Protein backbone atom coordinates (compact mmCIF):
# COMPACT_ATOMS: atom_id res chain seq x y z
CA MET A 1 86.04 76.38 107.99
CA GLN A 2 88.87 78.35 109.60
CA ARG A 3 88.61 81.08 106.98
CA ARG A 4 84.86 81.50 107.52
CA LYS A 5 85.48 81.76 111.25
CA PHE A 6 88.21 84.34 110.62
CA LEU A 7 85.93 86.48 108.44
CA GLY A 8 83.11 86.31 110.96
CA GLN A 9 85.32 87.31 113.85
CA THR A 10 86.95 90.11 111.87
CA ALA A 11 83.60 91.46 110.71
CA ALA A 12 82.19 91.45 114.21
CA ALA A 13 85.22 93.18 115.71
CA ALA A 14 85.44 95.81 112.98
CA ALA A 15 81.70 96.45 113.14
CA ALA A 16 81.85 97.00 116.88
CA ALA A 17 84.81 99.35 116.57
CA THR A 18 83.41 101.33 113.66
CA LEU A 19 79.69 101.53 114.32
CA THR A 20 79.59 102.03 118.08
CA GLY A 21 77.54 105.15 118.66
CA CYS A 22 77.07 105.66 114.92
CA HIS A 23 73.71 104.90 113.29
CA ILE A 24 72.81 106.35 109.92
CA ARG A 25 69.20 107.03 109.02
CA ALA A 26 68.03 106.74 105.45
CA ALA A 27 66.55 109.87 103.90
CA GLY A 28 62.97 110.29 105.01
CA SER A 29 63.15 107.82 107.89
CA GLY A 30 61.70 109.03 111.13
CA GLY A 31 63.13 108.84 114.58
CA GLY A 32 63.12 105.79 116.75
CA GLY A 33 66.09 103.77 115.53
CA GLY A 34 66.09 104.57 111.81
CA THR A 35 67.65 102.31 109.19
CA GLN A 36 71.09 102.62 107.67
CA GLU A 37 71.39 104.10 104.22
CA ARG A 38 71.37 101.53 101.41
CA VAL A 39 74.28 101.65 98.96
CA THR A 40 75.08 99.23 96.15
CA TRP A 41 78.38 99.25 94.28
CA ARG A 42 79.64 97.14 91.41
CA LEU A 43 83.24 95.92 91.44
CA ALA A 44 85.09 94.88 88.28
CA SER A 45 88.23 92.77 88.73
CA SER A 46 91.11 92.21 86.33
CA PHE A 47 91.31 88.58 87.45
CA PRO A 48 89.40 85.35 86.82
CA ARG A 49 87.13 83.97 89.50
CA SER A 50 89.03 80.66 89.51
CA LEU A 51 91.96 82.34 91.31
CA ASP A 52 90.39 82.13 94.74
CA VAL A 53 93.21 83.97 96.55
CA LEU A 54 93.82 86.77 94.05
CA PHE A 55 90.22 87.36 92.98
CA GLY A 56 89.08 86.15 96.38
CA GLY A 57 90.21 89.40 97.96
CA CYS A 58 87.14 91.00 96.39
CA ASP A 59 84.87 88.47 98.08
CA VAL A 60 86.51 89.17 101.44
CA LEU A 61 85.98 92.90 100.95
CA SER A 62 82.36 92.46 99.90
CA LYS A 63 81.46 90.13 102.79
CA LEU A 64 83.05 92.36 105.41
CA VAL A 65 81.41 95.55 104.14
CA SER A 66 78.03 93.83 104.10
CA ALA A 67 78.51 92.32 107.56
CA MET A 68 79.56 95.64 109.09
CA THR A 69 76.50 97.45 107.71
CA ASP A 70 73.84 94.79 108.34
CA GLY A 71 73.66 94.22 104.59
CA ASN A 72 72.97 97.84 103.72
CA PHE A 73 76.24 98.53 101.88
CA THR A 74 76.67 95.84 99.26
CA ILE A 75 79.45 95.37 96.72
CA GLN A 76 78.54 93.13 93.78
CA VAL A 77 81.70 91.44 92.52
CA TYR A 78 82.43 90.64 88.85
CA SER A 79 85.44 88.81 87.45
CA ALA A 80 87.52 89.78 84.43
CA GLY A 81 85.39 90.08 81.30
CA GLU A 82 82.01 89.93 83.00
CA LEU A 83 81.54 93.70 82.94
CA VAL A 84 84.71 95.03 81.33
CA PRO A 85 87.86 93.49 79.82
CA ALA A 86 90.57 92.62 82.33
CA LEU A 87 92.91 95.43 81.31
CA GLN A 88 90.25 98.17 81.22
CA VAL A 89 89.38 98.28 84.91
CA LEU A 90 90.92 101.72 85.43
CA ASP A 91 88.86 103.10 82.55
CA ALA A 92 85.67 101.63 84.00
CA ALA A 93 86.31 103.11 87.47
CA GLN A 94 87.29 106.45 85.96
CA GLN A 95 84.15 106.64 83.83
CA GLY A 96 81.91 105.51 86.68
CA SER A 97 80.53 102.49 84.87
CA VAL A 98 81.61 100.69 88.04
CA GLN A 99 82.18 102.24 91.42
CA ILE A 100 85.25 100.14 92.20
CA GLY A 101 87.86 98.05 90.44
CA GLN A 102 90.43 95.50 91.60
CA THR A 103 93.57 95.44 89.50
CA ALA A 104 97.34 95.91 89.30
CA SER A 105 98.53 99.42 88.54
CA TYR A 106 101.41 98.39 86.27
CA TYR A 107 98.80 97.48 83.65
CA TYR A 108 98.26 101.21 83.12
CA ILE A 109 101.76 102.64 82.78
CA GLY A 110 100.84 103.70 79.27
CA LYS A 111 98.54 106.28 80.87
CA ASN A 112 101.11 107.40 83.45
CA PRO A 113 104.43 105.58 83.98
CA ALA A 114 104.46 106.57 87.67
CA LEU A 115 101.48 104.30 88.35
CA ALA A 116 103.94 101.39 88.39
CA PHE A 117 105.07 102.43 91.87
CA ASP A 118 101.59 101.67 93.18
CA ALA A 119 102.20 98.01 92.32
CA CYS A 120 105.96 97.42 92.06
CA VAL A 121 108.95 98.05 89.86
CA PRO A 122 111.71 95.62 88.82
CA PHE A 123 114.31 95.05 91.55
CA GLY A 124 112.19 97.25 93.79
CA LEU A 125 110.72 96.89 97.24
CA THR A 126 109.96 93.60 98.92
CA THR A 127 106.46 92.86 100.13
CA ARG A 128 106.95 94.28 103.62
CA GLN A 129 108.82 97.29 102.25
CA GLN A 130 106.08 98.01 99.73
CA ILE A 131 103.39 97.83 102.41
CA ALA A 132 105.42 100.11 104.69
CA TRP A 133 106.17 102.64 101.96
CA LEU A 134 102.53 102.89 100.87
CA ASN A 135 100.83 102.86 104.25
CA GLU A 136 103.31 104.53 106.60
CA ALA A 137 106.00 106.39 104.66
CA GLY A 138 103.74 108.55 102.49
CA GLY A 139 103.83 106.62 99.23
CA LEU A 140 100.06 106.29 99.04
CA ASP A 141 99.57 110.04 99.40
CA LEU A 142 102.00 110.73 96.56
CA LEU A 143 100.36 108.18 94.30
CA ARG A 144 96.92 109.59 94.97
CA GLU A 145 98.10 112.82 93.40
CA ALA A 146 98.80 110.85 90.21
CA PHE A 147 95.51 108.96 90.39
CA SER A 148 93.55 112.18 90.86
CA ASP A 149 93.99 112.78 87.14
CA PHE A 150 91.76 109.75 86.58
CA GLY A 151 89.11 110.64 89.15
CA VAL A 152 89.81 107.61 91.33
CA LEU A 153 91.17 106.90 94.80
CA ASN A 154 93.54 103.95 95.10
CA PHE A 155 93.49 101.69 98.16
CA PRO A 156 95.93 98.80 98.79
CA ALA A 157 94.08 95.55 98.06
CA GLY A 158 96.67 92.91 98.91
CA ASN A 159 100.06 91.57 98.02
CA THR A 160 101.12 88.26 96.53
CA GLY A 161 104.59 88.19 98.05
CA ALA A 162 107.64 87.76 95.84
CA GLN A 163 106.60 86.18 92.57
CA MET A 164 108.14 83.50 90.41
CA GLY A 165 109.97 84.20 87.18
CA GLY A 166 107.55 82.11 85.18
CA TRP A 167 107.11 79.17 82.83
CA PHE A 168 109.47 78.54 79.91
CA ARG A 169 109.25 75.99 77.13
CA ARG A 170 113.03 76.15 76.60
CA GLU A 171 116.02 76.97 78.76
CA VAL A 172 117.34 80.51 79.00
CA GLY A 173 120.79 80.16 80.49
CA SER A 174 122.15 83.56 79.50
CA VAL A 175 121.10 86.97 78.24
CA SER A 176 121.88 85.92 74.68
CA GLU A 177 119.22 83.20 74.95
CA LEU A 178 116.56 85.83 75.65
CA GLN A 179 116.92 87.16 72.10
CA GLY A 180 113.63 86.73 70.28
CA LEU A 181 111.97 84.93 73.23
CA ARG A 182 108.22 85.58 73.08
CA ILE A 183 107.12 86.15 76.66
CA ARG A 184 104.04 87.44 78.43
CA VAL A 185 105.10 89.90 81.13
CA PRO A 186 103.39 93.21 82.02
CA GLY A 187 104.56 96.56 83.31
CA LEU A 188 108.14 97.71 83.57
CA GLY A 189 109.27 94.09 83.71
CA GLY A 190 108.08 93.80 80.13
CA GLU A 191 110.01 96.90 79.12
CA VAL A 192 113.17 95.52 80.70
CA MET A 193 112.71 92.16 79.00
CA SER A 194 112.29 93.99 75.73
CA ARG A 195 115.57 95.84 76.29
CA LEU A 196 117.24 92.47 76.85
CA GLY A 197 116.02 91.26 73.48
CA ALA A 198 112.77 89.43 74.26
CA THR A 199 109.53 89.99 72.37
CA VAL A 200 106.99 91.01 75.00
CA GLN A 201 103.22 90.57 75.05
CA VAL A 202 100.68 91.62 77.68
CA LEU A 203 97.80 89.17 77.97
CA ALA A 204 94.95 88.89 80.45
CA GLY A 205 95.03 85.87 82.75
CA GLY A 206 92.43 83.88 80.83
CA ASP A 207 94.27 84.31 77.53
CA ILE A 208 97.68 83.08 78.63
CA TYR A 209 97.25 79.29 78.64
CA PRO A 210 95.96 78.98 75.07
CA ALA A 211 98.74 81.29 73.83
CA LEU A 212 101.35 79.13 75.57
CA GLU A 213 99.75 75.87 74.46
CA LEU A 214 99.50 76.93 70.82
CA GLY A 215 103.06 78.27 70.75
CA ALA A 216 102.07 81.91 70.26
CA ILE A 217 104.37 82.63 73.23
CA ASP A 218 107.42 80.73 74.49
CA ALA A 219 107.14 81.74 78.13
CA THR A 220 104.88 83.44 80.60
CA GLU A 221 104.86 84.72 84.14
CA TRP A 222 101.81 85.10 86.33
CA VAL A 223 102.12 85.04 90.13
CA GLY A 224 103.33 81.92 91.89
CA PRO A 225 102.60 78.26 92.56
CA VAL A 226 99.01 78.35 93.80
CA ASP A 227 97.73 80.54 90.95
CA ASP A 228 100.00 79.06 88.29
CA GLU A 229 98.81 75.57 89.17
CA LYS A 230 95.18 76.59 88.74
CA LEU A 231 95.93 78.14 85.35
CA GLY A 232 97.61 74.91 84.27
CA PHE A 233 100.84 76.28 82.82
CA TYR A 234 102.80 73.22 83.98
CA ARG A 235 100.95 71.11 81.43
CA VAL A 236 102.66 72.82 78.50
CA ALA A 237 105.87 74.24 80.01
CA LYS A 238 107.93 72.32 82.58
CA LEU A 239 110.71 74.84 83.31
CA TYR A 240 109.78 77.07 86.24
CA TYR A 241 112.23 79.97 86.65
CA TYR A 242 112.79 82.12 89.72
CA PRO A 243 112.87 84.75 91.11
CA GLY A 244 110.37 87.15 89.56
CA TRP A 245 112.74 90.09 89.76
CA TRP A 246 110.17 92.36 88.11
CA GLU A 247 107.66 91.71 90.94
CA PRO A 248 109.50 91.35 94.26
CA GLY A 249 106.55 92.61 96.32
CA PRO A 250 103.60 93.56 94.11
CA ASN A 251 100.68 95.46 95.61
CA LEU A 252 97.21 95.13 94.12
CA SER A 253 94.78 98.01 94.29
CA TYR A 254 91.14 98.87 94.65
CA TYR A 255 90.26 101.83 92.43
CA VAL A 256 87.27 103.74 93.80
CA ASN A 257 85.49 106.28 91.62
CA LYS A 258 85.95 109.62 93.36
CA ALA A 259 82.34 110.76 92.93
CA ALA A 260 81.07 107.47 94.34
CA TRP A 261 83.45 107.80 97.28
CA GLU A 262 82.37 111.33 98.08
CA ALA A 263 78.72 110.23 98.05
CA LEU A 264 79.34 107.61 100.76
CA PRO A 265 78.24 108.36 104.33
CA PRO A 266 81.29 108.98 106.55
CA ALA A 267 80.80 105.76 108.53
CA TYR A 268 80.69 103.73 105.31
CA LYS A 269 83.99 105.23 104.26
CA GLU A 270 85.54 104.05 107.52
CA ILE A 271 83.98 100.63 107.08
CA PHE A 272 85.27 100.32 103.54
CA GLN A 273 88.81 101.23 104.57
CA ALA A 274 88.76 98.74 107.45
CA ALA A 275 87.43 95.99 105.17
CA ALA A 276 89.96 96.78 102.43
CA ALA A 277 92.84 96.62 104.91
CA THR A 278 91.60 93.28 106.23
CA SER A 279 91.21 91.84 102.74
CA ALA A 280 94.75 92.96 101.90
CA GLN A 281 96.22 91.29 104.98
CA ASN A 282 94.20 88.15 104.35
CA MET A 283 95.44 87.84 100.76
CA LEU A 284 99.11 87.80 101.72
CA ALA A 285 98.52 85.33 104.55
CA ARG A 286 96.65 82.97 102.23
CA TYR A 287 99.40 83.09 99.59
CA ASP A 288 102.05 82.36 102.21
CA GLN A 289 100.03 79.40 103.44
CA LYS A 290 99.07 77.94 100.06
CA ASN A 291 102.17 78.46 97.92
CA PRO A 292 104.41 75.87 99.65
CA GLU A 293 101.80 73.14 99.20
CA ALA A 294 101.18 74.10 95.57
CA LEU A 295 104.89 74.12 94.77
CA SER A 296 105.22 70.62 96.20
CA ARG A 297 102.39 69.41 93.98
CA LEU A 298 103.93 71.03 90.90
CA LEU A 299 107.28 69.37 91.54
CA GLY A 300 105.38 66.09 91.74
CA GLN A 301 104.12 66.76 88.21
CA GLY A 302 107.66 66.85 86.82
CA VAL A 303 108.16 70.61 87.01
CA ILE A 304 111.84 71.65 87.06
CA LEU A 305 112.88 74.65 89.14
CA LYS A 306 115.56 76.83 87.53
CA PRO A 307 117.18 80.00 88.89
CA PHE A 308 117.80 82.81 86.44
CA ALA A 309 121.46 82.96 85.44
CA GLU A 310 123.65 85.54 87.16
CA ASP A 311 124.23 87.49 83.95
CA ILE A 312 120.48 87.71 83.32
CA MET A 313 119.93 89.05 86.82
CA ARG A 314 122.74 91.60 86.57
CA SER A 315 121.77 92.74 83.09
CA ALA A 316 118.12 93.03 84.06
CA GLN A 317 118.99 95.02 87.18
CA LYS A 318 121.10 97.48 85.19
CA ALA A 319 118.39 97.88 82.56
CA SER A 320 115.81 98.43 85.31
CA VAL A 321 117.80 101.19 87.01
CA ASP A 322 118.47 102.85 83.65
CA LEU A 323 114.76 102.75 82.84
CA LEU A 324 113.72 104.34 86.12
CA GLU A 325 116.37 107.05 85.89
CA GLU A 326 115.47 107.87 82.29
CA GLN A 327 111.81 108.29 83.12
CA ALA A 328 112.61 110.42 86.17
CA SER A 329 114.67 112.75 83.99
CA LYS A 330 111.69 113.33 81.68
CA ASP A 331 108.81 113.92 84.07
CA ALA A 332 108.68 116.02 87.25
CA GLY A 333 105.69 114.16 88.70
CA TYR A 334 107.39 110.81 88.18
CA ARG A 335 110.63 112.16 89.63
CA LYS A 336 108.85 113.34 92.80
CA ILE A 337 107.51 109.84 93.49
CA TYR A 338 110.73 108.12 92.43
CA GLU A 339 112.99 110.21 94.67
CA HIS A 340 110.74 109.63 97.67
CA TRP A 341 110.61 105.89 96.90
CA LYS A 342 114.38 105.70 96.42
CA LYS A 343 115.13 107.47 99.72
CA PHE A 344 112.82 105.09 101.56
CA ARG A 345 114.35 102.04 99.88
CA GLN A 346 117.89 103.06 100.82
CA ALA A 347 117.01 103.35 104.52
CA SER A 348 114.82 100.26 104.52
CA ASP A 349 117.41 98.11 102.76
CA GLY A 350 119.94 99.02 105.44
CA TRP A 351 117.61 97.81 108.18
CA PHE A 352 116.55 94.62 106.41
CA ARG A 353 120.17 93.84 105.57
CA THR A 354 121.06 94.13 109.26
CA ALA A 355 118.44 91.87 110.81
CA GLU A 356 116.31 90.04 108.26
CA LEU A 357 119.03 89.03 105.80
CA ALA A 358 121.36 87.76 108.51
CA TYR A 359 118.65 85.53 109.93
CA GLU A 360 117.28 84.29 106.61
CA SER A 361 120.73 83.60 105.16
CA PHE A 362 121.41 81.32 108.10
CA VAL A 363 118.05 79.60 108.43
CA PHE A 364 116.60 79.23 104.92
CA PRO A 365 119.40 77.12 103.40
CA ARG A 366 119.15 74.65 106.29
CA SER A 367 116.46 72.20 107.23
CA ALA A 368 114.93 72.76 110.64
CA PRO A 369 116.53 70.53 113.29
C-alpha cells in the first residue's frame, strides 16, 4: 500500500514539473487542446519476473512513464527469456528488436571490457560512490562514448547495494581451497576467481538453481538475501559467504536504442529520464528495507554466515588490480575511463574514510542502546 502511494505521489509530482506548459499534439490533430503523441516501447530484462525488486524496477519505470503522459507513452515489460535470452539484452537493444533493455553491463565485457565500469568492478566503488561517479563526476558521459559503438544510450537503472559473496556447498577457508571450485560468477569477478584457480561459469538467473541442485556447480553468487531467498539457493547450499567483493556497489542499466531515443518527442525524453531516476532510487531503497528481514529468515532456515578468509580477500584484491592495470595498458579507450574512475575513487575514498568509516566502525559492531 505504501509503495503504491509512493508511486502515485512521485508520478503526480514529476508530471506537474515536466509537463507544465508542454502539450504535444499528435500528427494531424487540429487545434483546441490536441492529444499527446502515442509511443509504445518494448523492454527486455535480463532478470526473472519473480525478483520483484530487481525486475520490479522495470515496472516502476513503466508505470511512471505512463502516468506522466496520460497513458500515451507506454513501455511493455518482458522478463528474461520472454523476448530474448537473459544475456542477449544488449544485442536486442542494439538491433532495435526492442527499444529498451534492463541488464547489468558486466555481462557484456566480451564485447568491450570497459563496459564493466558501468556496473562495477571487483574491489571498486561502493554504492554511493558508483552513483556519484556516474551521475555527477562524468562517468556516465565517458561510458556513453563506449556504448555509442553499439547504438545505445545507457541510463542508470538502480543499484542493489553491496552484494553477498554467495552460496557454497563446501567451505573455502583459503585460496588453496578455491582450486577447481565450480562457481557461477559473472564479469570481472569471474575472471579474478579464475585466476585464483576456480572454474567459472556464467548462467542466467533462472538456470542457477538447477545447476546447483544437480551438482553441476559447487557455488553461486547472485545478489543478496531478498533475491537469493526467492531463488531458493539455501535449500541446496547452507554456507552463505560475504562480502561480494566483486560487486561492492553494482549499477544496473537501461539500454535505449539510439534511433528510438532520437524519435521521442523532447518532453518524453525528459519524462523517461525522470522516471528512470526515480526507479533507480526506489530499487536501492527497497533492497535496503527488504534485505535485513530476508537475512533473518534465511538464518532461521539453518543458513550459516561465513566471511571470506583474509588470504582470499587479499589475493583477490591483488588479482583484481592486476587485471584492471593489464587491460588499461592494452586499450586507450579503456585506459581513459579507468584513469578517470581511479582519480575519482582516490578522492572519494579519502572523504568516506574520514566521516563514514569512523561512524560505521563505531556504530555497526554495537547494538543500539
